[in-house]
């Protein structure tokens, strides 16, 4: 079975910079200059990224010299480096069991955009969701199932009558 690579698969910052920089075809020297990475390091990282099938290469010959250009093929939008994903994860980390409306208020992300990010993050196992007919609560994946209902009940507001 082929391994699925995401932006998170490449933890070193050079690979991340190269992937982020190559949304359009670029030569190695353009990538090196754009990312401020030494050219020898750029070549090594490009070789690794190509071996993992994350960079696409195309070549051309100019004045008898062969040039290669590289482009990211699988830059996924829902990795930990995306600022919106970071923001959502940060909010859920500090408020486990947060419901959708609270998450939207805290993040200030528009409804459709937040809904899209959340569904993709659930699909990619970045967060887990507990749903009822009226409400959804969001947790980090390392939350124990036995703690989920407890957290939900502790988050409920209690009414005090005199």
Protein backbone atom coordinates (compact mmCIF):
# COMPACT_ATOMS: atom_id res chain seq x y z
CA UNK A 1 0.00 0.00 0.00
CA UNK A 2 1.35 3.40 -0.95
CA UNK A 3 2.04 5.76 1.91
CA UNK A 4 -0.02 8.95 1.92
CA UNK A 5 2.18 12.00 2.36
CA UNK A 6 0.96 15.29 3.71
CA UNK A 7 2.75 18.49 4.47
CA UNK A 8 3.01 17.24 8.07
CA UNK A 9 5.02 14.22 6.86
CA UNK A 10 8.00 16.51 6.28
CA UNK A 11 8.84 17.92 9.66
CA UNK A 12 12.05 19.68 8.70
CA UNK A 13 11.57 23.32 7.82
CA UNK A 14 13.56 23.16 4.56
CA UNK A 15 11.23 20.56 3.00
CA UNK A 16 8.25 22.57 4.18
CA UNK A 17 9.64 25.78 2.65
CA UNK A 18 10.35 24.02 -0.64
CA UNK A 19 6.84 22.55 -0.80
CA UNK A 20 5.29 25.90 0.01
CA UNK A 21 7.45 27.69 -2.56
CA UNK A 22 6.74 25.33 -5.47
CA UNK A 23 3.09 26.02 -6.19
CA UNK A 24 4.31 26.86 -9.72
CA UNK A 25 7.22 25.29 -11.60
CA UNK A 26 10.61 26.68 -10.48
CA UNK A 27 14.25 25.82 -11.04
CA UNK A 28 16.49 24.73 -8.16
CA UNK A 29 18.23 28.11 -8.08
CA UNK A 30 14.87 29.91 -7.95
CA UNK A 31 13.73 27.67 -5.10
CA UNK A 32 17.03 28.15 -3.26
CA UNK A 33 16.83 31.94 -3.56
CA UNK A 34 13.12 32.08 -2.74
CA UNK A 35 13.48 29.91 0.38
CA UNK A 36 16.91 31.24 1.43
CA UNK A 37 18.29 27.68 1.57
CA UNK A 38 21.81 26.72 0.42
CA UNK A 39 21.69 25.22 -3.08
CA UNK A 40 23.26 21.90 -2.00
CA UNK A 41 20.62 21.48 0.71
CA UNK A 42 17.92 22.40 -1.81
CA UNK A 43 19.13 19.67 -4.19
CA UNK A 44 19.11 17.05 -1.38
CA UNK A 45 15.63 17.99 -0.19
CA UNK A 46 14.27 18.05 -3.74
CA UNK A 47 15.68 14.57 -4.33
CA UNK A 48 13.95 13.29 -1.16
CA UNK A 49 10.67 15.02 -2.00
CA UNK A 50 10.76 13.61 -5.53
CA UNK A 51 11.45 10.12 -4.21
CA UNK A 52 8.34 10.45 -2.01
CA UNK A 53 6.29 11.58 -5.00
CA UNK A 54 5.53 15.05 -3.66
CA UNK A 55 7.43 17.06 -6.30
CA UNK A 56 6.77 16.86 -10.03
CA UNK A 57 9.67 17.59 -12.39
CA UNK A 58 9.76 18.87 -15.93
CA UNK A 59 12.89 19.53 -17.98
CA UNK A 60 13.95 21.75 -20.83
CA UNK A 61 17.17 22.46 -22.70
CA UNK A 62 18.48 25.97 -23.21
CA UNK A 63 21.77 26.66 -25.02
CA UNK A 64 22.68 22.97 -24.74
CA UNK A 65 22.20 22.93 -20.96
CA UNK A 66 19.43 20.87 -19.37
CA UNK A 67 17.31 22.59 -16.71
CA UNK A 68 14.71 21.00 -14.47
CA UNK A 69 11.78 22.79 -12.92
CA UNK A 70 9.89 21.44 -9.94
CA UNK A 71 6.34 21.84 -8.72
CA UNK A 72 4.60 20.51 -5.63
CA UNK A 73 2.02 17.90 -6.57
CA UNK A 74 0.36 17.17 -3.24
CA UNK A 75 0.47 20.25 -1.06
CA UNK A 76 -2.39 19.59 1.32
CA UNK A 77 -4.23 22.51 2.86
CA UNK A 78 -5.12 20.95 6.18
CA UNK A 79 -1.67 20.33 7.71
CA UNK A 80 -0.43 21.78 10.98
CA UNK A 81 1.33 24.66 9.18
CA UNK A 82 -1.91 26.19 7.88
CA UNK A 83 -2.71 29.24 10.08
CA UNK A 84 -6.44 28.49 10.25
CA UNK A 85 -5.78 24.87 11.24
CA UNK A 86 -3.32 26.09 13.89
CA UNK A 87 -5.92 28.54 15.19
CA UNK A 88 -8.69 25.91 15.34
CA UNK A 89 -6.41 23.38 17.05
CA UNK A 90 -5.27 26.01 19.53
CA UNK A 91 -8.84 26.89 20.45
CA UNK A 92 -9.85 23.23 20.82
CA UNK A 93 -6.73 22.54 22.91
CA UNK A 94 -7.56 25.30 25.37
CA UNK A 95 -11.32 24.52 25.32
CA UNK A 96 -11.87 20.77 24.94
CA UNK A 97 -15.48 19.97 24.19
CA UNK A 98 -16.12 23.37 22.60
CA UNK A 99 -19.28 23.54 20.51
CA UNK A 100 -19.44 24.89 16.95
CA UNK A 101 -20.94 28.29 17.81
CA UNK A 102 -18.32 28.97 20.47
CA UNK A 103 -15.57 27.86 18.10
CA UNK A 104 -16.87 30.24 15.46
CA UNK A 105 -17.08 33.14 17.94
CA UNK A 106 -13.53 32.52 19.20
CA UNK A 107 -11.94 32.00 15.79
CA UNK A 108 -13.81 34.72 13.86
CA UNK A 109 -13.67 32.38 10.83
CA UNK A 110 -16.76 32.68 8.58
CA UNK A 111 -19.34 29.88 8.94
CA UNK A 112 -18.79 28.14 5.57
CA UNK A 113 -15.01 28.30 5.84
CA UNK A 114 -15.01 26.97 9.41
CA UNK A 115 -17.42 24.18 8.46
CA UNK A 116 -15.16 23.18 5.55
CA UNK A 117 -12.01 23.19 7.69
CA UNK A 118 -13.67 21.21 10.47
CA UNK A 119 -15.00 18.52 8.15
CA UNK A 120 -11.56 18.16 6.55
CA UNK A 121 -9.84 18.05 9.94
CA UNK A 122 -12.26 15.35 11.15
CA UNK A 123 -11.69 13.39 7.93
CA UNK A 124 -7.90 13.66 8.39
CA UNK A 125 -8.17 12.68 12.10
CA UNK A 126 -6.82 16.02 13.36
CA UNK A 127 -9.87 16.38 15.63
CA UNK A 128 -12.79 14.22 16.72
CA UNK A 129 -16.42 15.26 17.00
CA UNK A 130 -19.28 14.10 19.20
CA UNK A 131 -22.64 14.93 17.64
CA UNK A 132 -26.21 14.95 18.89
CA UNK A 133 -29.32 16.14 17.07
CA UNK A 134 -28.78 19.70 18.31
CA UNK A 135 -25.09 20.19 18.94
CA UNK A 136 -21.54 19.14 18.01
CA UNK A 137 -18.57 19.16 20.39
CA UNK A 138 -14.95 19.07 19.27
CA UNK A 139 -11.99 17.34 20.90
CA UNK A 140 -8.38 16.49 20.16
CA UNK A 141 -7.85 12.90 18.96
CA UNK A 142 -6.02 11.89 22.15
CA UNK A 143 -9.14 12.51 24.28
CA UNK A 144 -10.28 9.30 25.93
CA UNK A 145 -13.83 8.24 24.98
CA UNK A 146 -14.71 7.85 28.65
CA UNK A 147 -13.83 11.51 29.26
CA UNK A 148 -15.88 12.97 26.40
CA UNK A 149 -19.29 12.83 28.12
CA UNK A 150 -17.77 14.09 31.37
CA UNK A 151 -16.24 17.10 29.61
CA UNK A 152 -19.52 17.85 27.83
CA UNK A 153 -21.43 17.76 31.12
CA UNK A 154 -18.85 19.95 32.87
CA UNK A 155 -19.16 22.54 30.10
CA UNK A 156 -22.92 22.88 30.61
CA UNK A 157 -24.01 26.05 32.32
CA UNK A 158 -25.86 25.48 35.57
CA UNK A 159 -28.79 27.61 36.54
CA UNK A 160 -28.97 29.00 40.01
CA UNK A 161 -32.40 29.90 41.41
CA UNK A 162 -32.99 31.71 44.69
